[in-house]
């Protein structure tokens, strides 16, 4: 029956659909996200590439010294796939939870908590504990090590080239000036140019390094193809931690204009890690072939120090890290702000955010100036927590959310998760032992 028309002069307002009435199968979280300044697909790719491509690549030839050529190349692709797999597990599970509970977006810690809440009763309390651990770990993620690296690198180059005798603290305080402005950028979208420049500087470093590597013919004689029982762990530690960027998975995906491009085929994550696997395996292999067992922990140390190009590599590395600090700083400040925001009057939101970022940066600079050898202790913290954060927690999320019967044919996903969990335990134990030995050697 046709409805009666409204009286003349009366306009009917559109009826808004109630999201609570939308069936989970028809609810698309991506369509209900409200991001003020979304990042483009290309911008997100630049961020993802930069987050996993740092100056750590200059240590990959040293990793190949431990892993050998064949194992080194295969391992680079394996660890790239492992990082990509962890990202897929977390983001896919988060999407399923958002779809089921009609929530537009979830963060890392929230995804873990809700995944555990939907699992067996015995693990529901675990979700809250893991959420607090993740939040505090990410919030306490510091840029101290990066500030120290930039300051000490510039000190080495400038003092060597000019004959000055400025202290390390002087350079750290000078570095704090540009960092002050970079860390006040609050939107990931506006950090894309910094990540792009940092990535280009790292690539320039690689090109300059290849110039030194290919100055003489490469000879495969006496080059190891496979690791020994004692050298496999150092190889894995260097390559895996150089590729890992778990803490940025959700901040980047949640700020995308088209988040459906993040995963899938080819997808940002897959394409990024394929490119990185090729780059890491090539650079690591040719660097090890060129210098053999004499390759240093950073391949720069194998180049003649008096050469101007070596100073260029060092300066480019320092500037690349400097431009990366804004993206690294984004994660802890966003988590801290979420905890602080409810207590801030609406009229003072901008001032409070600026004050929070300034305070956190001041603490980082003070720690960089006041705590010697902090990087060594941060290495121990990373060795303990990174396998848990980057591997175990994604596996726990996937296992708990699929429990008890969504594991596929012959429960192959459960077997896969258990196997990778044991591998994560191996990384945890060997990384902790290696970092502890570094601290012992430091204080001998």
Protein backbone atom coordinates (compact mmCIF):
# COMPACT_ATOMS: atom_id res chain seq x y z
CA UNK A 1 0.00 0.00 0.00
CA UNK A 2 1.34 3.38 -0.99
CA UNK A 3 2.15 5.67 1.91
CA UNK A 4 0.31 8.96 2.24
CA UNK A 5 2.44 11.96 1.20
CA UNK A 6 3.45 14.42 3.92
CA UNK A 7 1.41 17.58 4.35
CA UNK A 8 2.41 20.47 2.12
CA UNK A 9 5.40 22.38 3.47
CA UNK A 10 6.50 19.57 5.74
CA UNK A 11 9.86 17.95 4.93
CA UNK A 12 10.57 14.44 6.14
CA UNK A 13 14.03 13.98 7.68
CA UNK A 14 16.02 10.90 6.61
CA UNK A 15 15.84 8.06 9.07
CA UNK A 16 19.28 7.14 10.42
CA UNK A 17 19.97 3.46 10.69
CA UNK A 18 20.88 2.22 14.14
CA UNK A 19 24.26 0.49 14.02
CA UNK A 20 23.16 -1.80 16.80
CA UNK A 21 20.52 -3.20 14.44
CA UNK A 22 23.04 -4.05 11.71
CA UNK A 23 23.78 -7.75 11.56
CA UNK A 24 27.48 -8.58 12.14
CA UNK A 25 27.68 -10.20 8.69
CA UNK A 26 26.67 -6.88 7.09
CA UNK A 27 28.69 -4.54 9.30
CA UNK A 28 31.90 -3.26 7.70
CA UNK A 29 34.22 -1.61 10.28
CA UNK A 30 36.16 0.18 7.57
CA UNK A 31 33.07 2.12 6.45
CA UNK A 32 32.40 3.36 9.97
CA UNK A 33 35.85 4.70 10.78
CA UNK A 34 36.14 8.41 11.38
CA UNK A 35 39.76 9.48 10.80
CA UNK A 36 40.31 13.23 10.68
CA UNK A 37 43.51 13.14 8.60
CA UNK A 38 43.76 9.70 6.96
CA UNK A 39 46.98 8.51 5.37
CA UNK A 40 47.05 7.46 1.72
CA UNK A 41 47.97 3.95 0.62
CA UNK A 42 51.31 5.18 -0.72
CA UNK A 43 52.00 7.12 2.47
CA UNK A 44 51.31 4.05 4.58
CA UNK A 45 53.60 1.96 2.37
CA UNK A 46 56.38 4.52 2.93
CA UNK A 47 55.83 4.33 6.71
CA UNK A 48 55.77 0.51 6.73
CA UNK A 49 58.91 0.33 4.61
CA UNK A 50 60.76 2.81 6.82
CA UNK A 51 59.63 1.16 10.06
CA UNK A 52 61.33 -2.11 9.00
CA UNK A 53 64.21 -0.59 7.01
CA UNK A 54 66.64 1.11 9.33
CA UNK A 55 70.36 1.38 9.84
CA UNK A 56 70.20 -2.21 11.11
CA UNK A 57 70.63 -3.30 7.50
CA UNK A 58 74.30 -2.22 7.76
CA UNK A 59 74.74 -5.11 10.24
CA UNK A 60 73.19 -7.74 7.97
CA UNK A 61 76.52 -8.72 6.30
CA UNK A 62 77.79 -9.47 9.83
CA UNK A 63 74.71 -11.62 10.35
CA UNK A 64 75.55 -13.53 7.16
CA UNK A 65 79.00 -14.21 8.62
CA UNK A 66 77.18 -16.22 11.32
CA UNK A 67 74.44 -17.67 9.14
CA UNK A 68 76.26 -18.41 5.91
CA UNK A 69 75.19 -17.53 2.39
CA UNK A 70 72.50 -20.16 1.73
CA UNK A 71 70.96 -20.08 5.20
CA UNK A 72 71.32 -16.30 5.29
CA UNK A 73 69.29 -15.76 2.12
CA UNK A 74 66.63 -18.31 3.08
CA UNK A 75 66.48 -16.90 6.60
CA UNK A 76 65.91 -13.35 5.32
CA UNK A 77 62.84 -14.51 3.39
CA UNK A 78 61.65 -16.67 6.31
CA UNK A 79 61.83 -13.84 8.84
CA UNK A 80 60.20 -11.41 6.41
CA UNK A 81 57.32 -13.88 5.99
CA UNK A 82 57.17 -14.36 9.77
CA UNK A 83 56.82 -10.60 10.36
CA UNK A 84 54.19 -10.40 7.62
CA UNK A 85 52.34 -13.40 9.11
CA UNK A 86 52.21 -11.77 12.55
CA UNK A 87 50.76 -8.61 11.02
CA UNK A 88 48.12 -10.63 9.15
CA UNK A 89 47.11 -12.54 12.30
CA UNK A 90 46.67 -9.39 14.38
CA UNK A 91 44.88 -7.25 11.79
CA UNK A 92 42.60 -10.07 10.57
CA UNK A 93 41.59 -10.97 14.11
CA UNK A 94 41.00 -7.31 14.94
CA UNK A 95 38.77 -6.97 11.85
CA UNK A 96 36.73 -10.05 12.82
CA UNK A 97 36.22 -8.74 16.36
CA UNK A 98 35.23 -5.28 15.05
CA UNK A 99 32.78 -6.88 12.62
CA UNK A 100 31.28 -9.13 15.29
CA UNK A 101 30.94 -6.44 17.95
CA UNK A 102 30.17 -3.57 15.51
CA UNK A 103 33.24 -1.53 16.53
CA UNK A 104 34.90 0.72 13.94
CA UNK A 105 38.49 0.32 15.12
CA UNK A 106 40.63 -1.41 17.74
CA UNK A 107 44.23 -0.93 18.83
CA UNK A 108 46.85 -3.58 19.56
CA UNK A 109 46.14 -3.98 23.28
CA UNK A 110 42.36 -3.77 22.80
CA UNK A 111 42.47 -6.53 20.17
CA UNK A 112 44.38 -8.81 22.53
CA UNK A 113 41.95 -8.14 25.39
CA UNK A 114 38.81 -8.75 23.31
CA UNK A 115 40.27 -11.87 21.67
CA UNK A 116 40.92 -13.35 25.12
CA UNK A 117 37.46 -12.28 26.30
CA UNK A 118 35.88 -14.31 23.50
CA UNK A 119 37.96 -17.39 24.29
CA UNK A 120 37.76 -20.04 27.02
CA UNK A 121 36.90 -18.88 30.54
CA UNK A 122 40.39 -19.84 31.76
CA UNK A 123 42.09 -17.20 29.58
CA UNK A 124 39.63 -14.30 29.89
CA UNK A 125 41.46 -12.76 32.83
CA UNK A 126 44.69 -13.05 30.85
CA UNK A 127 43.36 -10.50 28.34
CA UNK A 128 43.31 -7.63 30.83
CA UNK A 129 46.81 -8.47 32.06
CA UNK A 130 48.18 -8.63 28.50
CA UNK A 131 46.46 -5.37 27.60
CA UNK A 132 48.15 -3.58 30.50
CA UNK A 133 51.54 -5.14 29.68
CA UNK A 134 51.30 -4.13 26.01
CA UNK A 135 50.13 -0.61 26.81
CA UNK A 136 52.89 0.02 29.34
CA UNK A 137 55.58 -1.56 27.17
CA UNK A 138 54.61 0.52 24.14
CA UNK A 139 54.21 3.65 26.25
CA UNK A 140 57.66 3.15 27.75
CA UNK A 141 59.19 2.62 24.32
CA UNK A 142 61.78 5.36 24.24
CA UNK A 143 63.72 7.21 21.59
CA UNK A 144 66.73 7.44 23.93
CA UNK A 145 68.79 4.97 21.95
CA UNK A 146 68.08 6.82 18.70
CA UNK A 147 68.96 10.21 20.19
CA UNK A 148 72.21 8.77 21.57
CA UNK A 149 73.02 7.22 18.18
CA UNK A 150 72.52 10.51 16.33
CA UNK A 151 74.54 12.47 18.90
CA UNK A 152 77.48 10.05 19.07
CA UNK A 153 77.61 9.60 15.29
CA UNK A 154 77.71 13.34 14.65
CA UNK A 155 80.35 13.71 17.37
CA UNK A 156 82.58 11.13 15.68
CA UNK A 157 82.29 12.73 12.26
CA UNK A 158 82.47 16.42 13.22
CA UNK A 159 85.23 16.04 15.81
CA UNK A 160 87.25 13.84 13.42
CA UNK A 161 86.90 16.23 10.49
CA UNK A 162 87.32 19.51 12.41
CA UNK A 163 89.59 18.59 15.29
CA UNK A 164 87.04 19.83 17.83
CA UNK A 165 86.68 18.14 21.18
CA UNK A 166 83.00 18.60 21.95
CA UNK A 167 81.47 16.10 24.36
CA UNK A 168 78.80 13.56 23.52
CA UNK A 169 76.29 15.38 25.75
CA UNK A 170 76.79 18.60 23.79
CA UNK A 171 75.80 16.88 20.56
CA UNK A 172 72.83 15.16 22.22
CA UNK A 173 71.51 18.52 23.41
CA UNK A 174 72.00 19.99 19.92
CA UNK A 175 70.12 17.04 18.41
CA UNK A 176 67.29 17.77 20.84
CA UNK A 177 66.52 21.05 19.04
CA UNK A 178 65.25 19.56 15.72
CA UNK A 179 63.76 16.59 17.57
CA UNK A 180 61.68 19.05 19.62
CA UNK A 181 59.90 20.23 16.47
CA UNK A 182 59.60 16.78 14.87
CA UNK A 183 58.01 15.22 17.94
CA UNK A 184 55.29 17.89 18.06
CA UNK A 185 53.77 16.48 14.84
CA UNK A 186 50.64 14.65 15.98
CA UNK A 187 49.29 13.09 12.78
CA UNK A 188 50.87 10.11 11.02
CA UNK A 189 49.85 11.64 7.69
CA UNK A 190 52.19 14.59 8.21
CA UNK A 191 55.09 12.30 9.13
CA UNK A 192 55.10 10.66 5.68
CA UNK A 193 57.68 13.13 4.20
CA UNK A 194 60.02 12.44 7.13
CA UNK A 195 59.73 8.66 6.61
CA UNK A 196 60.25 9.10 2.86
CA UNK A 197 63.41 11.15 3.36
CA UNK A 198 64.72 8.72 5.99
CA UNK A 199 64.10 5.79 3.65
CA UNK A 200 65.89 7.52 0.78
CA UNK A 201 68.86 8.28 3.04
CA UNK A 202 69.09 4.62 4.06
CA UNK A 203 68.99 3.59 0.40
CA UNK A 204 71.74 6.15 -0.33
CA UNK A 205 73.81 4.52 2.42
CA UNK A 206 73.30 1.13 0.80
CA UNK A 207 74.37 2.47 -2.61
CA UNK A 208 77.52 4.08 -1.19
CA UNK A 209 78.31 0.86 0.69
CA UNK A 210 77.91 -1.13 -2.54
CA UNK A 211 80.46 1.19 -4.18
CA UNK A 212 83.05 0.07 -1.60
CA UNK A 213 81.94 -3.58 -1.79
CA UNK A 214 82.26 -3.82 -5.60
CA UNK A 215 85.61 -2.00 -5.82
CA UNK A 216 87.23 -5.43 -6.12
CA UNK A 217 85.95 -8.70 -7.62
CA UNK A 218 83.89 -10.82 -5.25
CA UNK A 219 85.36 -14.24 -4.44
CA UNK A 220 83.32 -17.08 -2.94
CA UNK A 221 86.35 -18.97 -1.68
CA UNK A 222 86.27 -19.81 2.07
CA UNK A 223 82.81 -18.34 2.48
CA UNK A 224 80.46 -20.23 4.81
CA UNK A 225 77.21 -21.51 3.30
CA UNK A 226 75.47 -22.68 6.50
CA UNK A 227 75.70 -21.78 10.20
CA UNK A 228 77.08 -23.86 13.01
CA UNK A 229 75.17 -24.69 16.19
CA UNK A 230 76.76 -21.71 17.97
CA UNK A 231 76.34 -19.13 15.20
CA UNK A 232 72.71 -19.64 14.17
CA UNK A 233 71.32 -17.66 17.13
CA UNK A 234 73.31 -14.42 16.48
CA UNK A 235 72.20 -14.52 12.84
CA UNK A 236 68.53 -14.84 13.78
CA UNK A 237 68.74 -12.12 16.40
CA UNK A 238 70.19 -9.53 14.01
CA UNK A 239 67.94 -10.22 11.00
CA UNK A 240 64.66 -10.77 12.85
CA UNK A 241 64.93 -7.72 15.07
CA UNK A 242 66.05 -5.60 12.11
CA UNK A 243 62.84 -6.52 10.25
CA UNK A 244 60.36 -6.40 13.13
CA UNK A 245 57.99 -3.43 13.39
CA UNK A 246 55.09 -4.90 15.38
CA UNK A 247 54.42 -1.81 17.49
CA UNK A 248 53.50 0.20 14.37
CA UNK A 249 51.09 -2.34 12.80
CA UNK A 250 47.91 -0.90 14.30
CA UNK A 251 48.81 2.83 14.38
CA UNK A 252 49.50 2.71 10.64
CA UNK A 253 46.54 0.53 9.62
CA UNK A 254 44.06 2.43 11.79
CA UNK A 255 44.98 5.77 10.17
CA UNK A 256 44.59 4.63 6.54
CA UNK A 257 42.13 6.12 4.08
CA UNK A 258 41.77 2.65 2.49
CA UNK A 259 42.62 0.12 5.25
CA UNK A 260 41.55 -2.77 3.02
CA UNK A 261 44.80 -2.20 1.08
CA UNK A 262 46.91 -3.02 4.14
CA UNK A 263 46.66 -6.81 3.83
CA UNK A 264 45.57 -8.99 0.93
CA UNK A 265 47.32 -9.71 -2.34
CA UNK A 266 49.58 -7.98 -3.01
CA UNK A 267 48.77 -5.65 -0.08
CA UNK A 268 51.08 -3.16 1.58
CA UNK A 269 52.45 -5.60 4.17
CA UNK A 270 53.19 -8.41 1.70
CA UNK A 271 54.76 -6.13 -0.89
CA UNK A 272 56.84 -4.37 1.74
CA UNK A 273 58.33 -7.55 3.19
CA UNK A 274 59.05 -9.08 -0.22
CA UNK A 275 61.05 -5.96 -1.12
CA UNK A 276 62.85 -6.02 2.23
CA UNK A 277 63.68 -9.73 1.96
CA UNK A 278 65.27 -9.19 -1.46
CA UNK A 279 67.19 -6.14 -0.25
CA UNK A 280 68.41 -7.75 3.00
CA UNK A 281 69.48 -10.99 1.35
CA UNK A 282 71.32 -9.23 -1.50
CA UNK A 283 73.13 -6.70 0.68
CA UNK A 284 73.98 -9.25 3.35
CA UNK A 285 75.32 -11.76 0.82
CA UNK A 286 77.55 -9.38 -1.18
CA UNK A 287 78.83 -7.71 2.01
CA UNK A 288 79.83 -11.06 3.50
CA UNK A 289 81.33 -12.30 0.22
CA UNK A 290 83.45 -9.14 -0.02
CA UNK A 291 84.90 -9.17 3.53
CA UNK A 292 84.40 -12.76 4.69
CA UNK A 293 85.10 -13.42 8.35
CA UNK A 294 86.62 -9.93 8.64
CA UNK A 295 83.25 -8.24 8.16
CA UNK A 296 82.53 -5.93 11.10
CA UNK A 297 79.37 -5.62 13.20
CA UNK A 298 78.51 -2.61 11.03
CA UNK A 299 79.94 -2.82 7.53
CA UNK A 300 80.92 0.87 7.73
CA UNK A 301 83.78 -0.18 10.02
CA UNK A 302 85.31 -2.13 7.11
CA UNK A 303 85.59 1.00 4.98
CA UNK A 304 88.63 3.36 5.18
CA UNK A 305 87.81 5.96 7.84
CA UNK A 306 89.70 8.74 6.04
CA UNK A 307 87.47 8.44 2.96
CA UNK A 308 84.93 11.26 2.69
CA UNK A 309 82.24 8.80 1.55
CA UNK A 310 82.50 7.00 4.90
CA UNK A 311 81.74 10.25 6.69
CA UNK A 312 78.83 10.72 4.28
CA UNK A 313 77.43 7.31 5.27
CA UNK A 314 77.70 8.19 8.94
CA UNK A 315 76.01 11.57 8.53
CA UNK A 316 73.27 10.11 6.33
CA UNK A 317 72.66 7.39 8.92
CA UNK A 318 72.36 9.98 11.67
CA UNK A 319 69.95 12.16 9.69
CA UNK A 320 67.89 9.11 8.66
CA UNK A 321 67.48 8.11 12.31
CA UNK A 322 66.69 11.72 13.24
CA UNK A 323 63.86 11.82 10.69
CA UNK A 324 62.58 8.46 11.96
CA UNK A 325 62.15 9.65 15.55
CA UNK A 326 58.77 11.28 14.87
CA UNK A 327 57.21 7.96 13.79
CA UNK A 328 58.79 6.03 16.66
CA UNK A 329 57.68 8.70 19.14
CA UNK A 330 54.09 8.59 17.87
CA UNK A 331 53.20 5.24 19.48
CA UNK A 332 54.09 5.94 23.15
CA UNK A 333 52.68 9.46 23.06
CA UNK A 334 49.35 8.30 21.60
CA UNK A 335 48.95 5.65 24.31
CA UNK A 336 49.92 8.11 27.04
CA UNK A 337 47.50 10.68 25.61
CA UNK A 338 44.58 8.21 25.65
CA UNK A 339 45.19 7.69 29.35
CA UNK A 340 45.53 11.43 30.04
CA UNK A 341 42.83 12.84 27.74
CA UNK A 342 39.77 12.13 29.98
CA UNK A 343 41.29 14.33 32.69
CA UNK A 344 41.98 17.31 30.40
CA UNK A 345 39.40 20.12 29.95
CA UNK A 346 38.20 20.34 26.35
CA UNK A 347 39.48 23.88 25.91
CA UNK A 348 43.06 22.87 26.77
CA UNK A 349 43.42 19.75 24.64
CA UNK A 350 46.03 21.18 22.27
CA UNK A 351 48.13 22.68 25.04
CA UNK A 352 47.98 19.46 27.06
CA UNK A 353 49.10 17.38 24.08
CA UNK A 354 52.04 19.68 23.41
CA UNK A 355 53.02 19.63 27.09
CA UNK A 356 52.82 15.82 27.20
CA UNK A 357 55.06 15.43 24.16
CA UNK A 358 57.51 18.00 25.47
CA UNK A 359 57.67 16.29 28.88
CA UNK A 360 58.23 12.82 27.37
CA UNK A 361 60.95 14.18 25.09
CA UNK A 362 62.65 15.96 28.01
CA UNK A 363 62.76 12.67 29.93
CA UNK A 364 64.31 10.93 26.93
CA UNK A 365 66.98 13.58 26.46
CA UNK A 366 67.76 13.60 30.19
CA UNK A 367 68.17 9.81 30.13
CA UNK A 368 70.36 10.05 27.03
CA UNK A 369 72.65 12.55 28.76
CA UNK A 370 72.64 10.98 32.19
CA UNK A 371 72.63 7.19 31.84
CA UNK A 372 75.80 5.71 30.29
CA UNK A 373 75.49 2.57 28.15
CA UNK A 374 71.69 2.73 28.26
CA UNK A 375 71.54 1.17 24.80
CA UNK A 376 73.02 -2.06 26.12
CA UNK A 377 70.31 -2.41 28.75
CA UNK A 378 67.60 -1.48 26.23
CA UNK A 379 68.98 -4.32 24.09
CA UNK A 380 68.31 -6.74 26.95
CA UNK A 381 64.77 -5.40 27.35
CA UNK A 382 64.17 -5.82 23.62
CA UNK A 383 65.59 -9.34 23.62
CA UNK A 384 63.15 -10.32 26.36
CA UNK A 385 60.02 -8.50 25.21
CA UNK A 386 60.27 -8.46 21.40
CA UNK A 387 59.71 -12.22 20.87
CA UNK A 388 56.75 -11.98 23.26
CA UNK A 389 55.27 -8.90 21.58
CA UNK A 390 56.05 -9.75 17.96
CA UNK A 391 55.46 -13.51 17.94
CA UNK A 392 53.88 -14.99 21.05
CA UNK A 393 51.06 -12.47 21.45
CA UNK A 394 49.91 -12.74 17.79
CA UNK A 395 49.94 -16.53 18.19
CA UNK A 396 47.99 -16.33 21.46
CA UNK A 397 45.43 -14.00 19.85
CA UNK A 398 44.95 -16.32 16.88
CA UNK A 399 44.76 -19.49 18.99
CA UNK A 400 42.37 -18.12 21.61
CA UNK A 401 40.04 -16.49 19.09
CA UNK A 402 39.81 -19.66 16.98
CA UNK A 403 39.35 -21.95 20.00
CA UNK A 404 38.12 -24.66 20.08
CA UNK A 405 37.36 -25.77 16.52
CA UNK A 406 38.40 -23.16 13.94
CA UNK A 407 41.88 -24.54 13.16
CA UNK A 408 41.29 -26.11 9.77
CA UNK A 409 42.02 -29.58 8.47
CA UNK A 410 43.73 -31.77 11.10
CA UNK A 411 43.98 -28.61 13.24
CA UNK A 412 46.96 -27.49 11.18
CA UNK A 413 46.73 -23.90 12.42
CA UNK A 414 47.06 -25.06 16.01
CA UNK A 415 50.13 -27.15 15.10
CA UNK A 416 51.61 -24.18 13.23
CA UNK A 417 51.04 -21.83 16.17
CA UNK A 418 52.58 -24.30 18.62
CA UNK A 419 55.65 -24.75 16.40
CA UNK A 420 56.15 -21.00 16.01
CA UNK A 421 55.64 -20.58 19.76
CA UNK A 422 58.55 -22.97 20.42
CA UNK A 423 60.63 -21.03 17.93
CA UNK A 424 59.76 -17.83 19.79
CA UNK A 425 60.99 -19.45 23.01
CA UNK A 426 64.30 -20.22 21.29
CA UNK A 427 64.63 -16.56 20.21
CA UNK A 428 63.78 -15.40 23.72
CA UNK A 429 66.37 -17.61 25.43
CA UNK A 430 69.21 -17.03 22.97
CA UNK A 431 68.56 -13.28 22.73
CA UNK A 432 68.50 -12.90 26.50
CA UNK A 433 71.74 -14.85 26.91
CA UNK A 434 73.46 -12.81 24.20
CA UNK A 435 72.33 -9.47 25.70
CA UNK A 436 73.31 -10.55 29.21
CA UNK A 437 76.77 -11.50 27.94
CA UNK A 438 77.10 -8.03 26.35
CA UNK A 439 76.35 -6.39 29.72
CA UNK A 440 78.88 -8.66 31.47
CA UNK A 441 81.54 -7.79 28.90
CA UNK A 442 80.72 -4.08 29.30
CA UNK A 443 81.48 -4.10 33.02
CA UNK A 444 84.47 -6.43 33.01
